[in-house]
Amino acid sequence: MAGEEVEAFVPSPLPPADPPLALDAALAQRLRAAEEALIRLELAGEMVPSLDWFIYAFVRKEAVVS
């Protein structure tokens, strides 16, 4: 509403500048593995007939596992 006072959380930009992000070999390997997993997930999402069904399957699996 007009005149209403609000607050907002504005996070710092990523990656943080201080301290700088140190990308060693182990972290670089984990980053590559994460990127590959995201690519596989994107491809799987393109192959299913319905994204709602795809999401439901993952939510159900998580519920059963936990």
C-alpha atoms as a PDB file:
ATOM      1  CA  MET A   1       0.000   0.000   0.000  1.00  0.00           C
ATOM      2  CA  ALA A   2       1.115   3.538  -0.556  1.00  0.00           C
ATOM      3  CA  GLY A   3       3.123   4.878   2.349  1.00  0.00           C
ATOM      4  CA  GLU A   4       3.633   1.420   3.844  1.00  0.00           C
ATOM      5  CA  GLU A   5       7.104   0.837   5.252  1.00  0.00           C
ATOM      6  CA  VAL A   6       8.681  -2.499   4.342  1.00  0.00           C
ATOM      7  CA  GLU A   7      12.016  -4.225   4.826  1.00  0.00           C
ATOM      8  CA  ALA A   8      13.806  -6.481   2.377  1.00  0.00           C
ATOM      9  CA  PHE A   9      16.709  -8.877   2.690  1.00  0.00           C
ATOM     10  CA  VAL A  10      19.247  -8.212  -0.053  1.00  0.00           C
ATOM     11  CA  PRO A  11      21.962 -10.882  -0.021  1.00  0.00           C
ATOM     12  CA  SER A  12      25.564 -10.199  -0.947  1.00  0.00           C
ATOM     13  CA  PRO A  13      26.489 -11.075  -4.534  1.00  0.00           C
ATOM     14  CA  LEU A  14      27.888 -14.530  -5.251  1.00  0.00           C
ATOM     15  CA  PRO A  15      30.619 -15.602  -5.259  1.00  0.00           C
ATOM     16  CA  PRO A  16      31.755 -13.540  -2.286  1.00  0.00           C
ATOM     17  CA  ALA A  17      34.559 -11.100  -3.008  1.00  0.00           C
ATOM     18  CA  ASP A  18      36.006 -11.246   0.497  1.00  0.00           C
ATOM     19  CA  PRO A  19      37.412 -13.797   1.006  1.00  0.00           C
ATOM     20  CA  PRO A  20      37.823 -14.681  -2.656  1.00  0.00           C
ATOM     21  CA  LEU A  21      36.559 -18.068  -3.809  1.00  0.00           C
ATOM     22  CA  ALA A  22      39.432 -20.563  -3.872  1.00  0.00           C
ATOM     23  CA  LEU A  23      38.746 -23.158  -6.555  1.00  0.00           C
ATOM     24  CA  ASP A  24      41.147 -26.028  -5.871  1.00  0.00           C
ATOM     25  CA  ALA A  25      41.169 -29.311  -7.816  1.00  0.00           C
ATOM     26  CA  ALA A  26      38.775 -31.088  -5.431  1.00  0.00           C
ATOM     27  CA  LEU A  27      36.243 -28.259  -5.505  1.00  0.00           C
ATOM     28  CA  ALA A  28      36.537 -27.985  -9.298  1.00  0.00           C
ATOM     29  CA  GLN A  29      35.776 -31.716  -9.602  1.00  0.00           C
ATOM     30  CA  ARG A  30      32.707 -31.373  -7.358  1.00  0.00           C
ATOM     31  CA  LEU A  31      31.541 -28.388  -9.411  1.00  0.00           C
ATOM     32  CA  ARG A  32      31.885 -30.393 -12.637  1.00  0.00           C
ATOM     33  CA  ALA A  33      29.946 -33.297 -11.090  1.00  0.00           C
ATOM     34  CA  ALA A  34      27.165 -30.934  -9.999  1.00  0.00           C
ATOM     35  CA  GLU A  35      26.967 -29.373 -13.471  1.00  0.00           C
ATOM     36  CA  GLU A  36      26.774 -32.835 -15.073  1.00  0.00           C
ATOM     37  CA  ALA A  37      23.987 -33.843 -12.679  1.00  0.00           C
ATOM     38  CA  LEU A  38      22.028 -30.701 -13.586  1.00  0.00           C
ATOM     39  CA  ILE A  39      22.437 -31.478 -17.283  1.00  0.00           C
ATOM     40  CA  ARG A  40      21.140 -35.036 -16.748  1.00  0.00           C
ATOM     41  CA  LEU A  41      18.194 -33.687 -14.754  1.00  0.00           C
ATOM     42  CA  GLU A  42      17.374 -31.201 -17.514  1.00  0.00           C
ATOM     43  CA  LEU A  43      17.494 -33.951 -20.138  1.00  0.00           C
ATOM     44  CA  ALA A  44      15.289 -36.212 -18.032  1.00  0.00           C
ATOM     45  CA  GLY A  45      12.794 -33.379 -17.655  1.00  0.00           C
ATOM     46  CA  GLU A  46      12.643 -32.987 -21.431  1.00  0.00           C
ATOM     47  CA  MET A  47      11.952 -36.702 -21.926  1.00  0.00           C
ATOM     48  CA  VAL A  48       8.913 -37.051 -19.655  1.00  0.00           C
ATOM     49  CA  PRO A  49       5.401 -36.345 -20.917  1.00  0.00           C
ATOM     50  CA  SER A  50       4.514 -34.066 -17.992  1.00  0.00           C
ATOM     51  CA  LEU A  51       6.748 -31.999 -15.717  1.00  0.00           C
ATOM     52  CA  ASP A  52       4.117 -32.254 -12.974  1.00  0.00           C
ATOM     53  CA  TRP A  53       4.405 -36.048 -13.099  1.00  0.00           C
ATOM     54  CA  PHE A  54       8.201 -35.811 -13.069  1.00  0.00           C
ATOM     55  CA  ILE A  55       8.237 -33.554 -10.006  1.00  0.00           C
ATOM     56  CA  TYR A  56       5.617 -35.709  -8.253  1.00  0.00           C
ATOM     57  CA  ALA A  57       7.798 -38.800  -8.736  1.00  0.00           C
ATOM     58  CA  PHE A  58      10.799 -37.114  -7.115  1.00  0.00           C
ATOM     59  CA  VAL A  59       8.761 -35.709  -4.229  1.00  0.00           C
ATOM     60  CA  ARG A  60       7.215 -39.128  -3.609  1.00  0.00           C
ATOM     61  CA  LYS A  61      10.619 -40.836  -3.698  1.00  0.00           C
ATOM     62  CA  GLU A  62      12.006 -38.313  -1.199  1.00  0.00           C
ATOM     63  CA  ALA A  63       9.018 -38.883   1.090  1.00  0.00           C
ATOM     64  CA  VAL A  64       9.478 -42.658   0.965  1.00  0.00           C
ATOM     65  CA  VAL A  65      13.225 -42.445   1.606  1.00  0.00           C
ATOM     66  CA  SER A  66      12.844 -40.085   4.559  1.00  0.00           C
END
